[in-house]
Amino acid sequence: MHLNLKNHLNKALLLMLGSMVLSLLIMAWIAGTQAGTRWLSARIVFLIPELQIQQIHGQLLGPLSVQGLRFRSSYIDVDIESLSLRWSPRHLLTKTLLIQSLDVDGITIKPYPADNTRAASQTDGAKAPLDYWQLPIAINIQTLSLTDAQWHNADPGQRPISVEQL
């Protein structure tokens, strides 16, 4: 009887170790390959229906480039033609998102007032505009390149703020 229990414990331990190794291999595939990064982005787009991504190239660990990034909500629309990112994942351990370089081209941001008809047509559980941007980590961007950016005011009578290059 004692030998049988020991045998079951050994099998359980091997199963746990095997599961941990398999989990690490899956995470390495997701973060370290283009196919894994594309798989993850498809899952994210599925979970966040307001988000669309036309193309994604590279690896999550970097470098990464995205074309045709769209976010639509009742409070804001964001369109980005192209985005390139190099970052340091190890700094996440210190609760810091360290972005070594971020190149954004063709960004258009259109916020909507909270009382507009788009917001009124959404469910009561929709998040307020700033709730999308509150992160529990610090963000450090070392190099930023911004070209062809437009910020449209919530008031349609006002002209958008434009930046050709930054």
N, C-alpha and C. Protein backbone atom coordinates (compact mmCIF):
# COMPACT_ATOMS: atom_id res chain seq x y z
N MET A 1 0.82 -1.20 0.00
CA MET A 1 0.00 0.00 0.00
C MET A 1 0.86 1.25 0.00
N HIS A 2 1.92 1.27 0.84
CA HIS A 2 2.82 2.40 0.93
C HIS A 2 3.54 2.64 -0.39
N LEU A 3 3.94 1.55 -1.07
CA LEU A 3 4.62 1.65 -2.35
C LEU A 3 3.68 2.23 -3.41
N ASN A 4 2.40 1.88 -3.37
CA ASN A 4 1.41 2.38 -4.31
C ASN A 4 1.21 3.89 -4.16
N LEU A 5 1.18 4.38 -2.92
CA LEU A 5 1.05 5.81 -2.66
C LEU A 5 2.27 6.56 -3.17
N LYS A 6 3.44 6.01 -2.92
CA LYS A 6 4.68 6.63 -3.39
C LYS A 6 4.71 6.68 -4.92
N ASN A 7 4.23 5.64 -5.55
CA ASN A 7 4.17 5.59 -7.00
C ASN A 7 3.22 6.67 -7.54
N HIS A 8 2.07 6.86 -6.90
CA HIS A 8 1.11 7.90 -7.31
C HIS A 8 1.70 9.30 -7.10
N LEU A 9 2.41 9.51 -6.01
CA LEU A 9 3.04 10.80 -5.76
C LEU A 9 4.11 11.10 -6.80
N ASN A 10 4.89 10.10 -7.17
CA ASN A 10 5.91 10.29 -8.21
C ASN A 10 5.26 10.65 -9.54
N LYS A 11 4.18 9.98 -9.88
CA LYS A 11 3.47 10.28 -11.13
C LYS A 11 2.89 11.70 -11.09
N ALA A 12 2.34 12.10 -9.96
CA ALA A 12 1.79 13.44 -9.82
C ALA A 12 2.88 14.49 -9.95
N LEU A 13 4.03 14.24 -9.35
CA LEU A 13 5.16 15.16 -9.43
C LEU A 13 5.65 15.29 -10.87
N LEU A 14 5.78 14.15 -11.56
CA LEU A 14 6.18 14.18 -12.97
C LEU A 14 5.16 14.92 -13.83
N LEU A 15 3.89 14.73 -13.55
CA LEU A 15 2.84 15.43 -14.29
C LEU A 15 2.93 16.94 -14.06
N MET A 16 3.17 17.35 -12.81
CA MET A 16 3.30 18.78 -12.51
C MET A 16 4.53 19.36 -13.20
N LEU A 17 5.66 18.70 -13.14
CA LEU A 17 6.87 19.17 -13.80
C LEU A 17 6.69 19.24 -15.30
N GLY A 18 6.05 18.22 -15.87
CA GLY A 18 5.78 18.22 -17.31
C GLY A 18 4.87 19.37 -17.71
N SER A 19 3.87 19.64 -16.89
CA SER A 19 2.97 20.77 -17.17
C SER A 19 3.70 22.10 -17.11
N MET A 20 4.60 22.24 -16.14
CA MET A 20 5.38 23.48 -16.03
C MET A 20 6.29 23.66 -17.23
N VAL A 21 6.97 22.60 -17.65
CA VAL A 21 7.85 22.68 -18.82
C VAL A 21 7.05 23.01 -20.06
N LEU A 22 5.91 22.37 -20.24
CA LEU A 22 5.05 22.65 -21.39
C LEU A 22 4.57 24.10 -21.38
N SER A 23 4.19 24.61 -20.21
CA SER A 23 3.75 26.00 -20.09
C SER A 23 4.88 26.96 -20.48
N LEU A 24 6.08 26.69 -20.03
CA LEU A 24 7.23 27.54 -20.38
C LEU A 24 7.52 27.49 -21.88
N LEU A 25 7.41 26.32 -22.47
CA LEU A 25 7.62 26.20 -23.92
C LEU A 25 6.56 26.97 -24.70
N ILE A 26 5.32 26.90 -24.26
CA ILE A 26 4.24 27.64 -24.93
C ILE A 26 4.47 29.15 -24.80
N MET A 27 4.84 29.61 -23.60
CA MET A 27 5.11 31.05 -23.42
C MET A 27 6.29 31.49 -24.28
N ALA A 28 7.33 30.67 -24.38
CA ALA A 28 8.48 31.00 -25.23
C ALA A 28 8.07 31.07 -26.69
N TRP A 29 7.19 30.16 -27.12
CA TRP A 29 6.72 30.17 -28.50
C TRP A 29 5.89 31.44 -28.77
N ILE A 30 5.01 31.80 -27.84
CA ILE A 30 4.17 32.98 -28.03
C ILE A 30 5.02 34.24 -28.09
N ALA A 31 5.93 34.40 -27.15
CA ALA A 31 6.72 35.63 -27.05
C ALA A 31 7.89 35.68 -28.02
N GLY A 32 8.42 34.52 -28.40
CA GLY A 32 9.65 34.51 -29.17
C GLY A 32 9.53 34.18 -30.63
N THR A 33 8.30 33.95 -31.13
CA THR A 33 8.14 33.66 -32.55
C THR A 33 7.07 34.56 -33.15
N GLN A 34 7.19 34.78 -34.45
CA GLN A 34 6.18 35.59 -35.13
C GLN A 34 4.84 34.87 -35.15
N ALA A 35 4.85 33.57 -35.33
CA ALA A 35 3.59 32.81 -35.33
C ALA A 35 2.92 32.89 -33.96
N GLY A 36 3.69 32.81 -32.89
CA GLY A 36 3.12 32.92 -31.55
C GLY A 36 2.56 34.30 -31.28
N THR A 37 3.26 35.32 -31.75
CA THR A 37 2.79 36.69 -31.57
C THR A 37 1.51 36.93 -32.35
N ARG A 38 1.43 36.39 -33.55
CA ARG A 38 0.19 36.52 -34.34
C ARG A 38 -0.96 35.78 -33.66
N TRP A 39 -0.68 34.61 -33.11
CA TRP A 39 -1.71 33.85 -32.40
C TRP A 39 -2.23 34.65 -31.22
N LEU A 40 -1.30 35.24 -30.43
CA LEU A 40 -1.69 36.03 -29.27
C LEU A 40 -2.49 37.26 -29.68
N SER A 41 -2.07 37.95 -30.75
CA SER A 41 -2.81 39.14 -31.18
C SER A 41 -4.23 38.77 -31.63
N ALA A 42 -4.38 37.61 -32.25
CA ALA A 42 -5.73 37.17 -32.64
C ALA A 42 -6.59 36.92 -31.41
N ARG A 43 -6.03 36.37 -30.36
CA ARG A 43 -6.78 36.14 -29.11
C ARG A 43 -7.16 37.48 -28.47
N ILE A 44 -6.23 38.44 -28.48
CA ILE A 44 -6.51 39.75 -27.88
C ILE A 44 -7.62 40.46 -28.64
N VAL A 45 -7.55 40.43 -29.97
CA VAL A 45 -8.60 41.06 -30.78
C VAL A 45 -9.95 40.38 -30.53
N PHE A 46 -9.94 39.07 -30.32
CA PHE A 46 -11.18 38.37 -30.01
C PHE A 46 -11.75 38.83 -28.66
N LEU A 47 -10.87 39.02 -27.67
CA LEU A 47 -11.32 39.43 -26.34
C LEU A 47 -11.68 40.90 -26.25
N ILE A 48 -11.10 41.74 -27.12
CA ILE A 48 -11.39 43.18 -27.13
C ILE A 48 -11.99 43.51 -28.50
N PRO A 49 -13.30 43.39 -28.64
CA PRO A 49 -13.92 43.58 -29.96
C PRO A 49 -13.75 44.99 -30.52
N GLU A 50 -13.43 45.97 -29.68
CA GLU A 50 -13.21 47.34 -30.17
C GLU A 50 -11.88 47.46 -30.92
N LEU A 51 -11.02 46.47 -30.82
CA LEU A 51 -9.66 46.51 -31.38
C LEU A 51 -9.59 45.74 -32.69
N GLN A 52 -8.88 46.31 -33.66
CA GLN A 52 -8.61 45.65 -34.93
C GLN A 52 -7.13 45.81 -35.26
N ILE A 53 -6.53 44.76 -35.82
CA ILE A 53 -5.14 44.80 -36.27
C ILE A 53 -5.10 44.20 -37.67
N GLN A 54 -4.63 44.99 -38.65
CA GLN A 54 -4.55 44.46 -40.02
C GLN A 54 -3.37 43.51 -40.18
N GLN A 55 -2.18 43.94 -39.77
CA GLN A 55 -0.98 43.12 -39.91
C GLN A 55 -0.08 43.28 -38.71
N ILE A 56 0.62 42.20 -38.38
CA ILE A 56 1.59 42.25 -37.29
C ILE A 56 2.81 41.44 -37.73
N HIS A 57 3.99 42.02 -37.54
CA HIS A 57 5.25 41.38 -37.93
C HIS A 57 6.21 41.41 -36.76
N GLY A 58 7.02 40.37 -36.64
CA GLY A 58 8.02 40.33 -35.59
C GLY A 58 7.55 39.49 -34.42
N GLN A 59 8.27 39.66 -33.33
CA GLN A 59 8.01 38.89 -32.13
C GLN A 59 7.60 39.81 -31.00
N LEU A 60 6.84 39.26 -30.08
CA LEU A 60 6.42 40.04 -28.92
C LEU A 60 7.64 40.56 -28.14
N LEU A 61 8.67 39.75 -28.07
CA LEU A 61 9.89 40.19 -27.38
C LEU A 61 10.65 41.24 -28.17
N GLY A 62 10.30 41.44 -29.41
CA GLY A 62 10.84 42.52 -30.22
C GLY A 62 11.85 42.04 -31.24
N PRO A 63 12.06 42.89 -32.22
CA PRO A 63 11.25 44.06 -32.56
C PRO A 63 9.88 43.65 -33.10
N LEU A 64 8.94 44.56 -32.98
CA LEU A 64 7.56 44.29 -33.36
C LEU A 64 7.04 45.46 -34.18
N SER A 65 6.33 45.16 -35.28
CA SER A 65 5.69 46.22 -36.06
C SER A 65 4.25 45.82 -36.34
N VAL A 66 3.38 46.83 -36.30
CA VAL A 66 1.94 46.64 -36.49
C VAL A 66 1.47 47.65 -37.52
N GLN A 67 0.65 47.19 -38.46
CA GLN A 67 0.02 48.08 -39.44
C GLN A 67 -1.48 47.99 -39.28
N GLY A 68 -2.13 49.14 -39.44
CA GLY A 68 -3.59 49.18 -39.39
C GLY A 68 -4.17 48.84 -38.03
N LEU A 69 -3.72 49.54 -37.01
CA LEU A 69 -4.23 49.34 -35.65
C LEU A 69 -5.42 50.28 -35.46
N ARG A 70 -6.55 49.72 -35.08
CA ARG A 70 -7.78 50.51 -34.89
C ARG A 70 -8.40 50.16 -33.55
N PHE A 71 -8.81 51.20 -32.83
CA PHE A 71 -9.55 51.01 -31.59
C PHE A 71 -10.77 51.90 -31.65
N ARG A 72 -11.95 51.31 -31.53
CA ARG A 72 -13.21 52.04 -31.59
C ARG A 72 -14.00 51.77 -30.31
N SER A 73 -14.39 52.84 -29.63
CA SER A 73 -15.26 52.69 -28.47
C SER A 73 -16.29 53.81 -28.50
N SER A 74 -17.13 53.82 -27.50
CA SER A 74 -18.14 54.88 -27.44
C SER A 74 -17.51 56.21 -27.02
N TYR A 75 -16.27 56.20 -26.53
CA TYR A 75 -15.62 57.41 -26.03
C TYR A 75 -14.49 57.91 -26.90
N ILE A 76 -13.87 57.01 -27.67
CA ILE A 76 -12.70 57.43 -28.44
C ILE A 76 -12.49 56.50 -29.63
N ASP A 77 -12.00 57.07 -30.72
CA ASP A 77 -11.54 56.29 -31.88
C ASP A 77 -10.05 56.58 -32.03
N VAL A 78 -9.26 55.54 -32.22
CA VAL A 78 -7.83 55.69 -32.45
C VAL A 78 -7.47 54.86 -33.68
N ASP A 79 -6.86 55.52 -34.66
CA ASP A 79 -6.36 54.85 -35.86
C ASP A 79 -4.86 55.07 -35.95
N ILE A 80 -4.11 53.99 -36.16
CA ILE A 80 -2.66 54.09 -36.33
C ILE A 80 -2.31 53.33 -37.60
N GLU A 81 -1.70 54.04 -38.56
CA GLU A 81 -1.31 53.39 -39.80
C GLU A 81 -0.19 52.38 -39.56
N SER A 82 0.87 52.80 -38.87
CA SER A 82 1.96 51.86 -38.58
C SER A 82 2.62 52.22 -37.26
N LEU A 83 3.11 51.17 -36.61
CA LEU A 83 3.74 51.31 -35.30
C LEU A 83 4.89 50.30 -35.23
N SER A 84 6.07 50.76 -34.82
CA SER A 84 7.22 49.87 -34.62
C SER A 84 7.67 50.03 -33.18
N LEU A 85 8.00 48.89 -32.55
CA LEU A 85 8.31 48.89 -31.13
C LEU A 85 9.52 48.02 -30.84
N ARG A 86 10.44 48.57 -30.06
CA ARG A 86 11.52 47.81 -29.43
C ARG A 86 11.43 48.10 -27.95
N TRP A 87 11.40 47.06 -27.14
CA TRP A 87 11.21 47.25 -25.71
C TRP A 87 12.01 46.22 -24.94
N SER A 88 12.07 46.41 -23.62
CA SER A 88 12.83 45.53 -22.74
C SER A 88 11.88 44.81 -21.79
N PRO A 89 11.49 43.58 -22.10
CA PRO A 89 10.53 42.85 -21.26
C PRO A 89 11.03 42.62 -19.83
N ARG A 90 12.33 42.50 -19.63
CA ARG A 90 12.83 42.18 -18.28
C ARG A 90 12.53 43.29 -17.28
N HIS A 91 12.33 44.52 -17.75
CA HIS A 91 12.02 45.62 -16.84
C HIS A 91 10.60 45.53 -16.27
N LEU A 92 9.77 44.68 -16.85
CA LEU A 92 8.43 44.48 -16.30
C LEU A 92 8.50 43.92 -14.88
N LEU A 93 9.59 43.22 -14.57
CA LEU A 93 9.77 42.69 -13.21
C LEU A 93 9.88 43.80 -12.18
N THR A 94 10.27 45.00 -12.62
CA THR A 94 10.37 46.16 -11.72
C THR A 94 9.18 47.10 -11.90
N LYS A 95 8.10 46.58 -12.50
CA LYS A 95 6.88 47.35 -12.76
C LYS A 95 7.14 48.58 -13.62
N THR A 96 8.04 48.40 -14.61
CA THR A 96 8.35 49.46 -15.56
C THR A 96 8.26 48.92 -16.97
N LEU A 97 7.50 49.59 -17.81
CA LEU A 97 7.47 49.27 -19.22
C LEU A 97 8.53 50.15 -19.88
N LEU A 98 9.69 49.57 -20.19
CA LEU A 98 10.79 50.30 -20.80
C LEU A 98 10.71 50.11 -22.31
N ILE A 99 10.37 51.19 -23.00
CA ILE A 99 10.28 51.17 -24.46
C ILE A 99 11.56 51.83 -24.98
N GLN A 100 12.38 51.04 -25.65
CA GLN A 100 13.64 51.56 -26.18
C GLN A 100 13.39 52.47 -27.37
N SER A 101 12.49 52.08 -28.25
CA SER A 101 12.11 52.96 -29.36
C SER A 101 10.67 52.66 -29.77
N LEU A 102 9.95 53.74 -30.05
CA LEU A 102 8.57 53.65 -30.49
C LEU A 102 8.41 54.61 -31.66
N ASP A 103 8.10 54.05 -32.83
CA ASP A 103 7.87 54.84 -34.04
C ASP A 103 6.41 54.69 -34.43
N VAL A 104 5.70 55.81 -34.45
CA VAL A 104 4.27 55.81 -34.78
C VAL A 104 4.06 56.74 -35.97
N ASP A 105 3.38 56.22 -37.00
CA ASP A 105 3.11 57.00 -38.19
C ASP A 105 1.62 56.94 -38.50
N GLY A 106 1.05 58.11 -38.76
CA GLY A 106 -0.35 58.18 -39.16
C GLY A 106 -1.32 57.85 -38.05
N ILE A 107 -1.28 58.63 -36.98
CA ILE A 107 -2.19 58.39 -35.85
C ILE A 107 -3.27 59.46 -35.83
N THR A 108 -4.50 59.03 -35.70
CA THR A 108 -5.65 59.93 -35.58
C THR A 108 -6.42 59.55 -34.33
N ILE A 109 -6.64 60.52 -33.45
CA ILE A 109 -7.37 60.29 -32.20
C ILE A 109 -8.60 61.18 -32.20
N LYS A 110 -9.76 60.55 -31.99
CA LYS A 110 -11.03 61.29 -31.96
C LYS A 110 -11.77 60.93 -30.68
N PRO A 111 -11.67 61.77 -29.65
CA PRO A 111 -12.47 61.52 -28.44
C PRO A 111 -13.90 62.01 -28.66
N TYR A 112 -14.82 61.41 -27.91
CA TYR A 112 -16.22 61.81 -27.97
C TYR A 112 -16.67 62.23 -26.58
N PRO A 113 -17.52 63.24 -26.49
CA PRO A 113 -18.02 63.62 -25.17
C PRO A 113 -18.84 62.49 -24.56
N ALA A 114 -18.84 62.43 -23.25
CA ALA A 114 -19.52 61.33 -22.55
C ALA A 114 -21.02 61.32 -22.80
N ASP A 115 -21.60 62.46 -23.18
CA ASP A 115 -23.05 62.50 -23.38
C ASP A 115 -23.45 62.38 -24.85
N ASN A 116 -22.53 61.94 -25.72
CA ASN A 116 -22.89 61.86 -27.13
C ASN A 116 -23.78 60.65 -27.40
N THR A 117 -24.33 60.57 -28.60
CA THR A 117 -25.25 59.48 -28.93
C THR A 117 -24.53 58.15 -29.03
N ARG A 118 -23.24 58.15 -29.39
CA ARG A 118 -22.48 56.89 -29.43
C ARG A 118 -22.39 56.31 -28.03
N ALA A 119 -22.09 57.16 -27.04
CA ALA A 119 -21.97 56.68 -25.66
C ALA A 119 -23.32 56.21 -25.14
N ALA A 120 -24.37 56.93 -25.49
CA ALA A 120 -25.70 56.57 -25.00
C ALA A 120 -26.16 55.24 -25.57
N SER A 121 -25.68 54.87 -26.74
CA SER A 121 -26.12 53.62 -27.34
C SER A 121 -25.37 52.41 -26.80
N GLN A 122 -24.30 52.63 -26.06
CA GLN A 122 -23.51 51.53 -25.50
C GLN A 122 -24.15 51.01 -24.22
N THR A 123 -23.68 49.85 -23.79
CA THR A 123 -24.21 49.26 -22.55
C THR A 123 -23.76 50.07 -21.35
N ASP A 124 -24.46 49.91 -20.25
CA ASP A 124 -24.13 50.65 -19.03
C ASP A 124 -22.78 50.25 -18.46
N GLY A 125 -22.24 49.10 -18.85
CA GLY A 125 -20.97 48.63 -18.32
C GLY A 125 -19.76 49.19 -19.04
N ALA A 126 -19.95 50.09 -20.01
CA ALA A 126 -18.81 50.64 -20.75
C ALA A 126 -17.92 51.46 -19.82
N LYS A 127 -16.62 51.38 -20.08
CA LYS A 127 -15.66 52.09 -19.24
C LYS A 127 -15.61 53.56 -19.61
N ALA A 128 -15.29 54.39 -18.64
CA ALA A 128 -15.09 55.80 -18.88
C ALA A 128 -13.79 55.98 -19.67
N PRO A 129 -13.60 57.10 -20.38
CA PRO A 129 -12.46 57.26 -21.27
C PRO A 129 -11.10 57.00 -20.61
N LEU A 130 -10.85 57.53 -19.45
CA LEU A 130 -9.53 57.38 -18.85
C LEU A 130 -9.30 56.00 -18.25
N ASP A 131 -10.35 55.21 -18.06
CA ASP A 131 -10.17 53.87 -17.52
C ASP A 131 -9.36 52.99 -18.46
N TYR A 132 -9.37 53.28 -19.76
CA TYR A 132 -8.60 52.49 -20.71
C TYR A 132 -7.09 52.70 -20.53
N TRP A 133 -6.68 53.83 -19.99
CA TRP A 133 -5.27 54.19 -19.97
C TRP A 133 -4.63 54.09 -18.59
N GLN A 134 -5.34 53.67 -17.58
CA GLN A 134 -4.76 53.57 -16.23
C GLN A 134 -4.04 52.24 -16.10
N LEU A 135 -2.70 52.31 -16.03
CA LEU A 135 -1.88 51.11 -15.94
C LEU A 135 -1.20 51.04 -14.59
N PRO A 136 -0.99 49.84 -14.07
CA PRO A 136 -0.35 49.69 -12.76
C PRO A 136 1.18 49.69 -12.83
N ILE A 137 1.74 50.20 -13.94
CA ILE A 137 3.19 50.23 -14.10
C ILE A 137 3.63 51.60 -14.61
N ALA A 138 4.90 51.89 -14.41
CA ALA A 138 5.49 53.12 -14.95
C ALA A 138 5.86 52.87 -16.41
N ILE A 139 5.78 53.90 -17.24
CA ILE A 139 6.15 53.79 -18.65
C ILE A 139 7.32 54.72 -18.92
N ASN A 140 8.39 54.16 -19.48
CA ASN A 140 9.59 54.92 -19.81
C ASN A 140 9.85 54.73 -21.30
N ILE A 141 9.72 55.81 -22.08
CA ILE A 141 9.98 55.76 -23.52
C ILE A 141 11.30 56.47 -23.78
N GLN A 142 12.31 55.73 -24.25
CA GLN A 142 13.62 56.32 -24.48
C GLN A 142 13.66 57.11 -25.78
N THR A 143 13.13 56.56 -26.87
CA THR A 143 13.13 57.23 -28.16
C THR A 143 11.73 57.14 -28.76
N LEU A 144 11.18 58.31 -29.11
CA LEU A 144 9.84 58.37 -29.70
C LEU A 144 9.91 59.12 -31.01
N SER A 145 9.34 58.54 -32.05
CA SER A 145 9.20 59.19 -33.35
C SER A 145 7.72 59.19 -33.70
N LEU A 146 7.17 60.37 -33.90
CA LEU A 146 5.76 60.52 -34.20
C LEU A 146 5.62 61.34 -35.47
N THR A 147 4.98 60.77 -36.49
CA THR A 147 4.75 61.50 -37.74
C THR A 147 3.28 61.41 -38.12
N ASP A 148 2.80 62.48 -38.70
CA ASP A 148 1.43 62.59 -39.20
C ASP A 148 0.40 62.23 -38.13
N ALA A 149 0.35 63.04 -37.08
CA ALA A 149 -0.58 62.80 -35.97
C ALA A 149 -1.67 63.86 -35.96
N GLN A 150 -2.88 63.43 -35.61
CA GLN A 150 -4.00 64.37 -35.49
C GLN A 150 -4.82 64.04 -34.25
N TRP A 151 -5.14 65.10 -33.51
CA TRP A 151 -6.03 65.00 -32.35
C TRP A 151 -7.25 65.83 -32.66
N HIS A 152 -8.39 65.16 -32.79
CA HIS A 152 -9.65 65.86 -33.05
C HIS A 152 -10.31 66.14 -31.71
N ASN A 153 -10.76 67.36 -31.52
CA ASN A 153 -11.47 67.70 -30.28
C ASN A 153 -12.84 67.06 -30.27
N ALA A 154 -13.37 66.88 -29.08
CA ALA A 154 -14.71 66.31 -28.94
C ALA A 154 -15.75 67.23 -29.58
N ASP A 155 -15.46 68.53 -29.64
CA ASP A 155 -16.35 69.50 -30.27
C ASP A 155 -16.07 69.49 -31.77
N PRO A 156 -17.01 69.03 -32.59
CA PRO A 156 -16.76 68.93 -34.03
C PRO A 156 -16.55 70.28 -34.71
N GLY A 157 -16.89 71.38 -34.05
CA GLY A 157 -16.70 72.69 -34.63
C GLY A 157 -15.26 73.18 -34.57
N GLN A 158 -14.41 72.53 -33.80
CA GLN A 158 -13.02 72.94 -33.66
C GLN A 158 -12.13 72.16 -34.63
N ARG A 159 -11.08 72.83 -35.09
CA ARG A 159 -10.13 72.18 -36.00
C ARG A 159 -9.25 71.21 -35.22
N PRO A 160 -8.83 70.12 -35.84
CA PRO A 160 -7.96 69.16 -35.16
C PRO A 160 -6.56 69.75 -34.93
N ILE A 161 -5.88 69.24 -33.92
CA ILE A 161 -4.49 69.57 -33.67
C ILE A 161 -3.66 68.60 -34.47
N SER A 162 -2.73 69.11 -35.27
CA SER A 162 -1.93 68.25 -36.15
C SER A 162 -0.46 68.38 -35.82
N VAL A 163 0.25 67.28 -35.91
CA VAL A 163 1.70 67.25 -35.77
C VAL A 163 2.25 66.49 -36.97
N GLU A 164 3.09 67.16 -37.76
CA GLU A 164 3.67 66.49 -38.92
C GLU A 164 4.79 65.55 -38.50
N GLN A 165 5.65 66.04 -37.60
CA GLN A 165 6.78 65.21 -37.15
C GLN A 165 7.23 65.65 -35.78
N LEU A 166 7.53 64.67 -34.94
CA LEU A 166 8.01 64.94 -33.60
C LEU A 166 9.17 64.01 -33.31
